[in-house]
Amino acid sequence: MPDLLTELREACTTVARRAGHVRVNEGAIPGYAASLQGSRIASGPQQDVHLSSGTREQVAAYWLTLDAINFGSGWFPTLRKLEGRSGYDTVAQGLRDRFERAGHWPAAALAKISTSEVAAVLAQDPGHELIGLFARSLRDLGQRVADDHAGSFAAVVDVAGQSATELVNQLAQWQCFNDVSLYDDLRLAFLKRAQIAAADIHRAGLVGFADLGRLTMFADNLVPHVLRLDGVLEFERTLVARIERGELIEHDSPEEVEIRACAVHAVELLTSARPGLTAAEIDQELWLRGRGGRYKALPRHRSRCTAY
C-alpha cells in the first residue's frame, strides 16, 4: 500500500513552492515554534461535549461516528447551534446525548439511518443540505463496519494494531472518510477526518498508537486561519477580501487547496523547529487557540464540502 502520509507531505511541499495565493512566511517559523506550549495529544479531548464513558465498543462507535460527520464548517453559520457552542460542539454534543440516552447505533441500523433521524438527534432541519450529507456519510460508515468488521466498531480500531497510519490507510478506502484534492498534476490525500479519527481514538484511550508522529496537521479552515492571523501564513489581498466578505471559497479550487496544503507544510516546518512535538499536537494547540476571541472576531475561509 502506498505511504499516503509521506505522499501528502511531499505534495504539500510542492504546492507551497508553486502557490500563488498563499505563502508560508518561513522567517516566522523559529520564533513561532518557540512560542508553542506543547499541548500533549495524549492529554485527552479538551471539550465537555464528548462521550466520556462507556464500553470500548461504545467509545469506538462514538468517535468513528462523530468523525464520519466531522465536516460542514462551510454550513455551520446556517445551523441551529446550542447556546454558546460552535457548530462542531453542537454536533458532538448531540451525538453524545444520543449515545448516553440510547447507546450507539448498531452498524446495520446506521447503514439505514434516515436524514430525519439524524436531524432529530442534532435538533436540525431535515431539509438542510448538510444533514442529508451527514446521513449519507453515516450510512456508508455503518455499511463498511457491518461488511468489513462484522458490525464491530472496536474491530475497526483493533485491525490497525498499534499503528495510526494503518487506521488512516483503512479509513481512506471508505467513502465516508474520503478527502482527496487535485492541484495541477498533484494528488493530495489530505484525509483530515481519517487522521483526526486516529488522534481522537488515541486520546480517548482506546489504543496507544506508536506512530502518532506520522500524522500531519488536520487540514481544515481554523488552523490556517490561526496561522494567518499569527503571521505564519500570508494570503494574497484579493483572497483576504473575499474571505472577509463571507464569500465561499470553492472546494478544490487552487486557492482552497493552497490554504490547506500551505498550512500542512507550515506545521511540518514547525515540527522540525520543535523536536519532540508532533504535527497532531501542534494542530490541537492551534485549534484550541482558534476558539479564542481574537480569532473568532475575523472571518475564516469557508468551503462547502465533506472534507472539513
C-alpha atoms as a PDB file:
ATOM      1  CA  MET A   1       0.000   0.000   0.000  1.00  0.00           C
ATOM      2  CA  PRO A   2       1.374   3.471  -0.855  1.00  0.00           C
ATOM      3  CA  ASP A   3       2.586   5.656   2.003  1.00  0.00           C
ATOM      4  CA  LEU A   4      -0.259   8.167   1.830  1.00  0.00           C
ATOM      5  CA  LEU A   5       1.087  10.479   4.515  1.00  0.00           C
ATOM      6  CA  THR A   6       4.574  10.710   3.003  1.00  0.00           C
ATOM      7  CA  GLU A   7       2.972  11.445  -0.367  1.00  0.00           C
ATOM      8  CA  LEU A   8       0.823  14.130   1.246  1.00  0.00           C
ATOM      9  CA  ARG A   9       3.807  15.820   2.877  1.00  0.00           C
ATOM     10  CA  GLU A  10       5.716  15.837  -0.402  1.00  0.00           C
ATOM     11  CA  ALA A  11       2.726  17.167  -2.342  1.00  0.00           C
ATOM     12  CA  CYS A  12       2.120  19.939   0.207  1.00  0.00           C
ATOM     13  CA  THR A  13       5.772  20.992  -0.052  1.00  0.00           C
ATOM     14  CA  THR A  14       5.384  21.230  -3.819  1.00  0.00           C
ATOM     15  CA  VAL A  15       2.141  23.215  -3.548  1.00  0.00           C
ATOM     16  CA  ALA A  16       3.799  25.635  -1.110  1.00  0.00           C
ATOM     17  CA  ARG A  17       6.605  26.180  -3.606  1.00  0.00           C
ATOM     18  CA  ARG A  18       4.205  26.794  -6.520  1.00  0.00           C
ATOM     19  CA  ALA A  19       1.413  28.636  -4.711  1.00  0.00           C
ATOM     20  CA  GLY A  20       0.258  31.990  -5.984  1.00  0.00           C
ATOM     21  CA  HIS A  21      -2.462  32.795  -3.454  1.00  0.00           C
ATOM     22  CA  VAL A  22      -0.859  31.698  -0.161  1.00  0.00           C
ATOM     23  CA  ARG A  23       2.696  31.941   1.132  1.00  0.00           C
ATOM     24  CA  VAL A  24       4.435  30.356   4.103  1.00  0.00           C
ATOM     25  CA  ASN A  25       6.432  33.000   5.958  1.00  0.00           C
ATOM     26  CA  GLU A  26       9.402  30.798   6.745  1.00  0.00           C
ATOM     27  CA  GLY A  27      11.125  33.621   8.595  1.00  0.00           C
ATOM     28  CA  ALA A  28       8.393  33.457  11.244  1.00  0.00           C
ATOM     29  CA  ILE A  29       8.823  29.735  11.876  1.00  0.00           C
ATOM     30  CA  PRO A  30      11.614  29.716  14.516  1.00  0.00           C
ATOM     31  CA  GLY A  31      10.010  32.306  16.796  1.00  0.00           C
ATOM     32  CA  TYR A  32       6.528  30.870  16.398  1.00  0.00           C
ATOM     33  CA  ALA A  33       7.752  27.343  17.096  1.00  0.00           C
ATOM     34  CA  ALA A  34       9.432  28.553  20.271  1.00  0.00           C
ATOM     35  CA  SER A  35       6.151  30.129  21.429  1.00  0.00           C
ATOM     36  CA  LEU A  36       4.185  26.886  21.283  1.00  0.00           C
ATOM     37  CA  GLN A  37       3.168  25.482  24.652  1.00  0.00           C
ATOM     38  CA  GLY A  38       3.365  21.872  23.541  1.00  0.00           C
ATOM     39  CA  SER A  39      -0.105  20.611  24.477  1.00  0.00           C
ATOM     40  CA  ARG A  40       0.089  16.856  24.592  1.00  0.00           C
ATOM     41  CA  ILE A  41      -2.226  14.943  22.283  1.00  0.00           C
ATOM     42  CA  ALA A  42      -2.303  12.195  24.897  1.00  0.00           C
ATOM     43  CA  SER A  43      -3.938  14.537  27.388  1.00  0.00           C
ATOM     44  CA  GLY A  44      -7.390  13.660  26.127  1.00  0.00           C
ATOM     45  CA  PRO A  45     -10.236  15.565  24.492  1.00  0.00           C
ATOM     46  CA  GLN A  46     -10.461  19.143  25.699  1.00  0.00           C
ATOM     47  CA  GLN A  47     -14.191  19.766  25.355  1.00  0.00           C
ATOM     48  CA  ASP A  48     -17.020  18.710  27.661  1.00  0.00           C
ATOM     49  CA  VAL A  49     -19.228  17.872  24.673  1.00  0.00           C
ATOM     50  CA  HIS A  50     -17.808  14.394  24.091  1.00  0.00           C
ATOM     51  CA  LEU A  51     -18.779  10.982  25.394  1.00  0.00           C
ATOM     52  CA  SER A  52     -16.665  10.424  28.485  1.00  0.00           C
ATOM     53  CA  SER A  53     -17.563   6.857  29.493  1.00  0.00           C
ATOM     54  CA  GLY A  54     -18.899   3.608  28.108  1.00  0.00           C
ATOM     55  CA  THR A  55     -17.714   0.225  26.927  1.00  0.00           C
ATOM     56  CA  ARG A  56     -14.828   0.026  24.497  1.00  0.00           C
ATOM     57  CA  GLU A  57     -17.278  -0.721  21.686  1.00  0.00           C
ATOM     58  CA  GLN A  58     -19.432   2.283  22.578  1.00  0.00           C
ATOM     59  CA  VAL A  59     -16.485   4.671  22.760  1.00  0.00           C
ATOM     60  CA  ALA A  60     -15.076   3.395  19.451  1.00  0.00           C
ATOM     61  CA  ALA A  61     -18.516   3.796  17.894  1.00  0.00           C
ATOM     62  CA  TYR A  62     -18.819   7.351  19.229  1.00  0.00           C
ATOM     63  CA  TRP A  63     -15.533   8.570  17.786  1.00  0.00           C
ATOM     64  CA  LEU A  64     -15.917   6.847  14.417  1.00  0.00           C
ATOM     65  CA  THR A  65     -19.483   8.117  14.134  1.00  0.00           C
ATOM     66  CA  LEU A  66     -18.527  11.659  15.103  1.00  0.00           C
ATOM     67  CA  ASP A  67     -15.536  11.820  12.780  1.00  0.00           C
ATOM     68  CA  ALA A  68     -17.558  10.405   9.891  1.00  0.00           C
ATOM     69  CA  ILE A  69     -19.586  13.641  10.127  1.00  0.00           C
ATOM     70  CA  ASN A  70     -16.803  15.930  11.358  1.00  0.00           C
ATOM     71  CA  PHE A  71     -17.311  18.291   8.442  1.00  0.00           C
ATOM     72  CA  GLY A  72     -19.620  21.086   7.422  1.00  0.00           C
ATOM     73  CA  SER A  73     -17.769  24.219   8.532  1.00  0.00           C
ATOM     74  CA  GLY A  74     -18.976  25.908   5.364  1.00  0.00           C
ATOM     75  CA  TRP A  75     -22.566  25.417   6.531  1.00  0.00           C
ATOM     76  CA  PHE A  76     -22.054  25.996  10.264  1.00  0.00           C
ATOM     77  CA  PRO A  77     -23.259  29.622  10.184  1.00  0.00           C
ATOM     78  CA  THR A  78     -26.629  28.290   8.976  1.00  0.00           C
ATOM     79  CA  LEU A  79     -27.063  25.600  11.659  1.00  0.00           C
ATOM     80  CA  ARG A  80     -29.112  25.951  14.840  1.00  0.00           C
ATOM     81  CA  LYS A  81     -26.357  25.908  17.432  1.00  0.00           C
ATOM     82  CA  LEU A  82     -26.542  25.214  21.143  1.00  0.00           C
ATOM     83  CA  GLU A  83     -26.236  28.341  23.285  1.00  0.00           C
ATOM     84  CA  GLY A  84     -22.616  29.454  23.345  1.00  0.00           C
ATOM     85  CA  ARG A  85     -21.478  26.484  21.257  1.00  0.00           C
ATOM     86  CA  SER A  86     -19.802  26.144  17.875  1.00  0.00           C
ATOM     87  CA  GLY A  87     -21.137  24.044  15.038  1.00  0.00           C
ATOM     88  CA  TYR A  88     -18.698  21.261  15.908  1.00  0.00           C
ATOM     89  CA  ASP A  89     -19.681  21.342  19.580  1.00  0.00           C
ATOM     90  CA  THR A  90     -23.369  21.210  18.653  1.00  0.00           C
ATOM     91  CA  VAL A  91     -22.871  18.080  16.551  1.00  0.00           C
ATOM     92  CA  ALA A  92     -20.563  16.391  19.083  1.00  0.00           C
ATOM     93  CA  GLN A  93     -22.909  17.058  21.998  1.00  0.00           C
ATOM     94  CA  GLY A  94     -25.962  15.952  20.033  1.00  0.00           C
ATOM     95  CA  LEU A  95     -24.282  12.621  19.355  1.00  0.00           C
ATOM     96  CA  ARG A  96     -23.083  12.330  22.952  1.00  0.00           C
ATOM     97  CA  ASP A  97     -26.588  12.871  24.275  1.00  0.00           C
ATOM     98  CA  ARG A  98     -27.975  10.234  21.945  1.00  0.00           C
ATOM     99  CA  PHE A  99     -25.294   7.717  22.923  1.00  0.00           C
ATOM    100  CA  GLU A 100     -25.896   8.347  26.631  1.00  0.00           C
ATOM    101  CA  ARG A 101     -29.664   8.070  26.196  1.00  0.00           C
ATOM    102  CA  ALA A 102     -29.956   5.110  23.823  1.00  0.00           C
ATOM    103  CA  GLY A 103     -26.485   3.734  23.191  1.00  0.00           C
ATOM    104  CA  HIS A 104     -24.714   3.663  19.851  1.00  0.00           C
ATOM    105  CA  TRP A 105     -26.366   2.707  16.602  1.00  0.00           C
ATOM    106  CA  PRO A 106     -25.552  -0.873  15.618  1.00  0.00           C
ATOM    107  CA  ALA A 107     -23.719  -0.884  12.294  1.00  0.00           C
ATOM    108  CA  ALA A 108     -26.661  -2.431  10.456  1.00  0.00           C
ATOM    109  CA  ALA A 109     -29.001   0.261  11.774  1.00  0.00           C
ATOM    110  CA  LEU A 110     -26.541   3.013  10.941  1.00  0.00           C
ATOM    111  CA  ALA A 111     -26.352   1.687   7.385  1.00  0.00           C
ATOM    112  CA  LYS A 112     -30.068   2.507   7.015  1.00  0.00           C
ATOM    113  CA  ILE A 113     -30.263   5.734   9.006  1.00  0.00           C
ATOM    114  CA  SER A 114     -32.605   8.362   7.608  1.00  0.00           C
ATOM    115  CA  THR A 115     -31.995  12.063   7.233  1.00  0.00           C
ATOM    116  CA  SER A 116     -34.951  12.731   9.527  1.00  0.00           C
ATOM    117  CA  GLU A 117     -33.404  10.641  12.317  1.00  0.00           C
ATOM    118  CA  VAL A 118     -30.078  12.470  12.011  1.00  0.00           C
ATOM    119  CA  ALA A 119     -31.926  15.781  12.077  1.00  0.00           C
ATOM    120  CA  ALA A 120     -33.835  14.787  15.210  1.00  0.00           C
ATOM    121  CA  VAL A 121     -30.666  13.739  17.041  1.00  0.00           C
ATOM    122  CA  LEU A 122     -28.915  17.002  16.157  1.00  0.00           C
ATOM    123  CA  ALA A 123     -32.026  19.219  16.515  1.00  0.00           C
ATOM    124  CA  GLN A 124     -31.727  20.453  12.930  1.00  0.00           C
ATOM    125  CA  ASP A 125     -33.993  20.944   9.938  1.00  0.00           C
ATOM    126  CA  PRO A 126     -34.204  17.648   7.994  1.00  0.00           C
ATOM    127  CA  GLY A 127     -34.263  19.674   4.788  1.00  0.00           C
ATOM    128  CA  HIS A 128     -30.878  21.222   5.477  1.00  0.00           C
ATOM    129  CA  GLU A 129     -28.323  20.155   2.864  1.00  0.00           C
ATOM    130  CA  LEU A 130     -25.670  19.353   5.463  1.00  0.00           C
ATOM    131  CA  ILE A 131     -27.954  16.965   7.354  1.00  0.00           C
ATOM    132  CA  GLY A 132     -28.508  14.976   4.177  1.00  0.00           C
ATOM    133  CA  LEU A 133     -24.744  14.739   3.705  1.00  0.00           C
ATOM    134  CA  PHE A 134     -24.345  13.626   7.325  1.00  0.00           C
ATOM    135  CA  ALA A 135     -26.893  10.850   6.790  1.00  0.00           C
ATOM    136  CA  ARG A 136     -25.152   9.678   3.619  1.00  0.00           C
ATOM    137  CA  SER A 137     -21.795   9.510   5.381  1.00  0.00           C
ATOM    138  CA  LEU A 138     -23.254   7.628   8.366  1.00  0.00           C
ATOM    139  CA  ARG A 139     -24.907   5.095   6.097  1.00  0.00           C
ATOM    140  CA  ASP A 140     -21.571   4.411   4.422  1.00  0.00           C
ATOM    141  CA  LEU A 141     -19.858   4.067   7.812  1.00  0.00           C
ATOM    142  CA  GLY A 142     -22.465   1.605   9.013  1.00  0.00           C
ATOM    143  CA  GLN A 143     -22.221  -0.450   5.834  1.00  0.00           C
ATOM    144  CA  ARG A 144     -18.427  -0.625   5.959  1.00  0.00           C
ATOM    145  CA  VAL A 145     -18.351  -1.611   9.638  1.00  0.00           C
ATOM    146  CA  ALA A 146     -21.025  -4.229   9.017  1.00  0.00           C
ATOM    147  CA  ASP A 147     -19.383  -5.671   5.909  1.00  0.00           C
ATOM    148  CA  ASP A 148     -15.694  -5.416   6.809  1.00  0.00           C
ATOM    149  CA  HIS A 149     -15.715  -5.864  10.599  1.00  0.00           C
ATOM    150  CA  ALA A 150     -18.776  -7.992  11.387  1.00  0.00           C
ATOM    151  CA  GLY A 151     -20.520  -4.942  12.854  1.00  0.00           C
ATOM    152  CA  SER A 152     -17.848  -4.178  15.474  1.00  0.00           C
ATOM    153  CA  PHE A 153     -16.583  -0.610  15.747  1.00  0.00           C
ATOM    154  CA  ALA A 154     -13.820  -1.689  18.135  1.00  0.00           C
ATOM    155  CA  ALA A 155     -12.606  -4.146  15.475  1.00  0.00           C
ATOM    156  CA  VAL A 156     -12.002  -1.200  13.128  1.00  0.00           C
ATOM    157  CA  VAL A 157      -9.508   0.095  15.668  1.00  0.00           C
ATOM    158  CA  ASP A 158      -8.035  -3.276  16.533  1.00  0.00           C
ATOM    159  CA  VAL A 159      -7.236  -4.290  12.963  1.00  0.00           C
ATOM    160  CA  ALA A 160      -4.837  -1.344  12.792  1.00  0.00           C
ATOM    161  CA  GLY A 161      -2.796  -2.777  15.659  1.00  0.00           C
ATOM    162  CA  GLN A 162      -0.581  -0.120  17.202  1.00  0.00           C
ATOM    163  CA  SER A 163      -0.450   1.972  14.040  1.00  0.00           C
ATOM    164  CA  ALA A 164      -2.326   5.217  13.468  1.00  0.00           C
ATOM    165  CA  THR A 165      -1.058   5.086   9.884  1.00  0.00           C
ATOM    166  CA  GLU A 166      -2.750   1.743   9.330  1.00  0.00           C
ATOM    167  CA  LEU A 167      -6.036   3.103  10.651  1.00  0.00           C
ATOM    168  CA  VAL A 168      -5.767   6.101   8.310  1.00  0.00           C
ATOM    169  CA  ASN A 169      -4.996   3.787   5.380  1.00  0.00           C
ATOM    170  CA  GLN A 170      -8.077   1.731   6.186  1.00  0.00           C
ATOM    171  CA  LEU A 171     -10.420   4.694   6.561  1.00  0.00           C
ATOM    172  CA  ALA A 172      -9.009   6.280   3.402  1.00  0.00           C
ATOM    173  CA  GLN A 173     -10.687   3.498   1.421  1.00  0.00           C
ATOM    174  CA  TRP A 174     -14.140   4.364   2.778  1.00  0.00           C
ATOM    175  CA  GLN A 175     -16.301   6.965   1.077  1.00  0.00           C
ATOM    176  CA  CYS A 176     -17.375   8.400   4.437  1.00  0.00           C
ATOM    177  CA  PHE A 177     -13.778   9.500   5.104  1.00  0.00           C
ATOM    178  CA  ASN A 178     -12.849  10.467   1.542  1.00  0.00           C
ATOM    179  CA  ASP A 179     -10.792  13.674   1.248  1.00  0.00           C
ATOM    180  CA  VAL A 180      -8.614  13.945  -1.850  1.00  0.00           C
ATOM    181  CA  SER A 181      -7.918  17.112  -3.846  1.00  0.00           C
ATOM    182  CA  LEU A 182      -6.096  17.741  -7.121  1.00  0.00           C
ATOM    183  CA  TYR A 183      -3.711  20.614  -7.831  1.00  0.00           C
ATOM    184  CA  ASP A 184      -2.241  20.679 -11.322  1.00  0.00           C
ATOM    185  CA  ASP A 185      -0.584  17.266 -11.616  1.00  0.00           C
ATOM    186  CA  LEU A 186      -0.611  16.622  -7.865  1.00  0.00           C
ATOM    187  CA  ARG A 187      -2.936  14.400  -5.868  1.00  0.00           C
ATOM    188  CA  LEU A 188      -3.312  15.480  -2.237  1.00  0.00           C
ATOM    189  CA  ALA A 189      -4.940  12.943   0.065  1.00  0.00           C
ATOM    190  CA  PHE A 190      -5.455  15.346   2.975  1.00  0.00           C
ATOM    191  CA  LEU A 191      -7.614  12.780   4.823  1.00  0.00           C
ATOM    192  CA  LYS A 192      -8.344  15.302   7.558  1.00  0.00           C
ATOM    193  CA  ARG A 193     -11.123  13.286   9.184  1.00  0.00           C
ATOM    194  CA  ALA A 194      -9.393   9.916   8.888  1.00  0.00           C
ATOM    195  CA  GLN A 195      -6.329  11.368  10.575  1.00  0.00           C
ATOM    196  CA  ILE A 196      -8.255  13.119  13.322  1.00  0.00           C
ATOM    197  CA  ALA A 197     -10.157   9.885  13.964  1.00  0.00           C
ATOM    198  CA  ALA A 198      -6.834   8.194  14.714  1.00  0.00           C
ATOM    199  CA  ALA A 199      -5.873  11.030  17.067  1.00  0.00           C
ATOM    200  CA  ASP A 200      -9.285  11.060  18.779  1.00  0.00           C
ATOM    201  CA  ILE A 201      -9.214   7.303  19.297  1.00  0.00           C
ATOM    202  CA  HIS A 202      -5.738   7.542  20.814  1.00  0.00           C
ATOM    203  CA  ARG A 203      -6.745  10.436  23.084  1.00  0.00           C
ATOM    204  CA  ALA A 204      -9.805   8.516  24.226  1.00  0.00           C
ATOM    205  CA  GLY A 205      -7.526   5.734  25.459  1.00  0.00           C
ATOM    206  CA  LEU A 206      -8.854   3.017  23.159  1.00  0.00           C
ATOM    207  CA  VAL A 207      -5.377   2.216  21.898  1.00  0.00           C
ATOM    208  CA  GLY A 208      -1.884   3.596  22.275  1.00  0.00           C
ATOM    209  CA  PHE A 209      -0.706   4.267  18.742  1.00  0.00           C
ATOM    210  CA  ALA A 210       3.078   4.109  18.489  1.00  0.00           C
ATOM    211  CA  ASP A 211       3.324   6.230  15.339  1.00  0.00           C
ATOM    212  CA  LEU A 212       1.266   9.352  16.053  1.00  0.00           C
ATOM    213  CA  GLY A 213       4.170  11.390  14.753  1.00  0.00           C
ATOM    214  CA  ARG A 214       3.356  10.123  11.261  1.00  0.00           C
ATOM    215  CA  LEU A 215       0.104  12.103  11.208  1.00  0.00           C
ATOM    216  CA  THR A 216       0.087  15.518   9.546  1.00  0.00           C
ATOM    217  CA  MET A 217      -1.867  18.582  10.579  1.00  0.00           C
ATOM    218  CA  PHE A 218      -5.619  18.023  10.181  1.00  0.00           C
ATOM    219  CA  ALA A 219      -6.221  20.343   7.246  1.00  0.00           C
ATOM    220  CA  ASP A 220      -9.372  22.348   7.986  1.00  0.00           C
ATOM    221  CA  ASN A 221     -10.264  26.040   7.916  1.00  0.00           C
ATOM    222  CA  LEU A 222      -9.493  27.040  11.519  1.00  0.00           C
ATOM    223  CA  VAL A 223      -5.797  26.220  11.905  1.00  0.00           C
ATOM    224  CA  PRO A 224      -4.903  28.005   8.639  1.00  0.00           C
ATOM    225  CA  HIS A 225      -6.871  31.000   9.955  1.00  0.00           C
ATOM    226  CA  VAL A 226      -4.846  30.991  13.178  1.00  0.00           C
ATOM    227  CA  LEU A 227      -1.602  30.670  11.229  1.00  0.00           C
ATOM    228  CA  ARG A 228      -2.589  33.598   9.003  1.00  0.00           C
ATOM    229  CA  LEU A 229      -3.521  35.895  11.862  1.00  0.00           C
ATOM    230  CA  ASP A 230      -0.325  34.922  13.681  1.00  0.00           C
ATOM    231  CA  GLY A 231       1.800  35.777  10.642  1.00  0.00           C
ATOM    232  CA  VAL A 232       2.932  32.295   9.643  1.00  0.00           C
ATOM    233  CA  LEU A 233       0.752  32.199   6.521  1.00  0.00           C
ATOM    234  CA  GLU A 234       0.209  35.130   4.197  1.00  0.00           C
ATOM    235  CA  PHE A 235      -2.791  35.290   1.837  1.00  0.00           C
ATOM    236  CA  GLU A 236      -2.959  37.499  -1.227  1.00  0.00           C
ATOM    237  CA  ARG A 237      -5.083  40.617  -0.697  1.00  0.00           C
ATOM    238  CA  THR A 238      -7.908  39.614  -3.023  1.00  0.00           C
ATOM    239  CA  LEU A 239      -8.267  36.272  -1.233  1.00  0.00           C
ATOM    240  CA  VAL A 240      -8.379  38.001   2.159  1.00  0.00           C
ATOM    241  CA  ALA A 241     -11.032  40.398   0.839  1.00  0.00           C
ATOM    242  CA  ARG A 242     -13.176  37.510  -0.408  1.00  0.00           C
ATOM    243  CA  ILE A 243     -12.919  35.746   2.934  1.00  0.00           C
ATOM    244  CA  GLU A 244     -13.747  38.898   4.879  1.00  0.00           C
ATOM    245  CA  ARG A 245     -16.836  39.454   2.672  1.00  0.00           C
ATOM    246  CA  GLY A 246     -18.025  35.988   3.648  1.00  0.00           C
ATOM    247  CA  GLU A 247     -17.668  34.699   0.096  1.00  0.00           C
ATOM    248  CA  LEU A 248     -17.477  30.922  -0.123  1.00  0.00           C
ATOM    249  CA  ILE A 249     -14.149  29.624  -1.427  1.00  0.00           C
ATOM    250  CA  GLU A 250     -14.865  26.781  -3.806  1.00  0.00           C
ATOM    251  CA  HIS A 251     -13.678  23.401  -2.587  1.00  0.00           C
ATOM    252  CA  ASP A 252     -10.801  22.058  -4.712  1.00  0.00           C
ATOM    253  CA  SER A 253     -10.148  25.489  -6.204  1.00  0.00           C
ATOM    254  CA  PRO A 254      -6.445  26.464  -6.362  1.00  0.00           C
ATOM    255  CA  GLU A 255      -6.981  28.961  -3.537  1.00  0.00           C
ATOM    256  CA  GLU A 256      -8.611  26.427  -1.237  1.00  0.00           C
ATOM    257  CA  VAL A 257      -6.056  23.700  -1.911  1.00  0.00           C
ATOM    258  CA  GLU A 258      -3.219  26.180  -1.320  1.00  0.00           C
ATOM    259  CA  ILE A 259      -4.705  27.232   2.032  1.00  0.00           C
ATOM    260  CA  ARG A 260      -4.839  23.644   3.234  1.00  0.00           C
ATOM    261  CA  ALA A 261      -1.541  22.494   1.722  1.00  0.00           C
ATOM    262  CA  CYS A 262       0.453  25.514   2.882  1.00  0.00           C
ATOM    263  CA  ALA A 263      -0.930  25.062   6.403  1.00  0.00           C
ATOM    264  CA  VAL A 264       0.179  21.418   6.398  1.00  0.00           C
ATOM    265  CA  HIS A 265       3.630  22.456   5.142  1.00  0.00           C
ATOM    266  CA  ALA A 266       3.901  25.232   7.727  1.00  0.00           C
ATOM    267  CA  VAL A 267       3.130  22.814  10.541  1.00  0.00           C
ATOM    268  CA  GLU A 268       5.740  20.417   9.183  1.00  0.00           C
ATOM    269  CA  LEU A 269       8.276  23.253   9.403  1.00  0.00           C
ATOM    270  CA  LEU A 270       7.142  23.941  12.966  1.00  0.00           C
ATOM    271  CA  THR A 271       7.631  20.298  13.955  1.00  0.00           C
ATOM    272  CA  SER A 272      11.145  20.419  12.516  1.00  0.00           C
ATOM    273  CA  ALA A 273      11.845  23.524  14.595  1.00  0.00           C
ATOM    274  CA  ARG A 274      10.430  21.953  17.761  1.00  0.00           C
ATOM    275  CA  PRO A 275      11.784  18.401  18.083  1.00  0.00           C
ATOM    276  CA  GLY A 276       9.582  16.349  20.356  1.00  0.00           C
ATOM    277  CA  LEU A 277       6.329  17.941  19.185  1.00  0.00           C
ATOM    278  CA  THR A 278       4.195  16.182  16.594  1.00  0.00           C
ATOM    279  CA  ALA A 279       2.084  17.808  13.909  1.00  0.00           C
ATOM    280  CA  ALA A 280      -1.026  16.469  15.649  1.00  0.00           C
ATOM    281  CA  GLU A 281      -0.023  18.109  18.938  1.00  0.00           C
ATOM    282  CA  ILE A 282       0.637  21.427  17.235  1.00  0.00           C
ATOM    283  CA  ASP A 283      -2.677  21.149  15.397  1.00  0.00           C
ATOM    284  CA  GLN A 284      -4.519  20.606  18.676  1.00  0.00           C
ATOM    285  CA  GLU A 285      -2.858  23.599  20.307  1.00  0.00           C
ATOM    286  CA  LEU A 286      -3.619  25.896  17.376  1.00  0.00           C
ATOM    287  CA  TRP A 287      -7.185  24.607  17.040  1.00  0.00           C
ATOM    288  CA  LEU A 288      -7.835  25.375  20.698  1.00  0.00           C
ATOM    289  CA  ARG A 289      -6.195  28.783  20.274  1.00  0.00           C
ATOM    290  CA  GLY A 290      -8.560  29.447  17.372  1.00  0.00           C
ATOM    291  CA  ARG A 291     -11.554  29.231  19.699  1.00  0.00           C
ATOM    292  CA  GLY A 292     -10.400  32.455  21.361  1.00  0.00           C
ATOM    293  CA  GLY A 293     -11.988  35.839  20.773  1.00  0.00           C
ATOM    294  CA  ARG A 294      -9.202  37.316  18.671  1.00  0.00           C
ATOM    295  CA  TYR A 295      -9.571  34.594  16.065  1.00  0.00           C
ATOM    296  CA  LYS A 296     -13.359  34.457  16.167  1.00  0.00           C
ATOM    297  CA  ALA A 297     -13.553  38.204  15.584  1.00  0.00           C
ATOM    298  CA  LEU A 298     -12.378  37.856  11.979  1.00  0.00           C
ATOM    299  CA  PRO A 299     -13.872  35.581   9.311  1.00  0.00           C
ATOM    300  CA  ARG A 300     -12.041  32.430   8.308  1.00  0.00           C
ATOM    301  CA  HIS A 301     -12.383  30.883   4.866  1.00  0.00           C
ATOM    302  CA  ARG A 302     -15.427  28.676   4.355  1.00  0.00           C
ATOM    303  CA  SER A 303     -15.925  25.986   1.738  1.00  0.00           C
ATOM    304  CA  ARG A 304     -18.952  23.750   1.483  1.00  0.00           C
ATOM    305  CA  CYS A 305     -17.572  20.236   1.304  1.00  0.00           C
ATOM    306  CA  THR A 306     -17.387  16.965   3.219  1.00  0.00           C
ATOM    307  CA  ALA A 307     -13.630  17.309   3.864  1.00  0.00           C
ATOM    308  CA  TYR A 308     -13.805  19.574   6.948  1.00  0.00           C
END
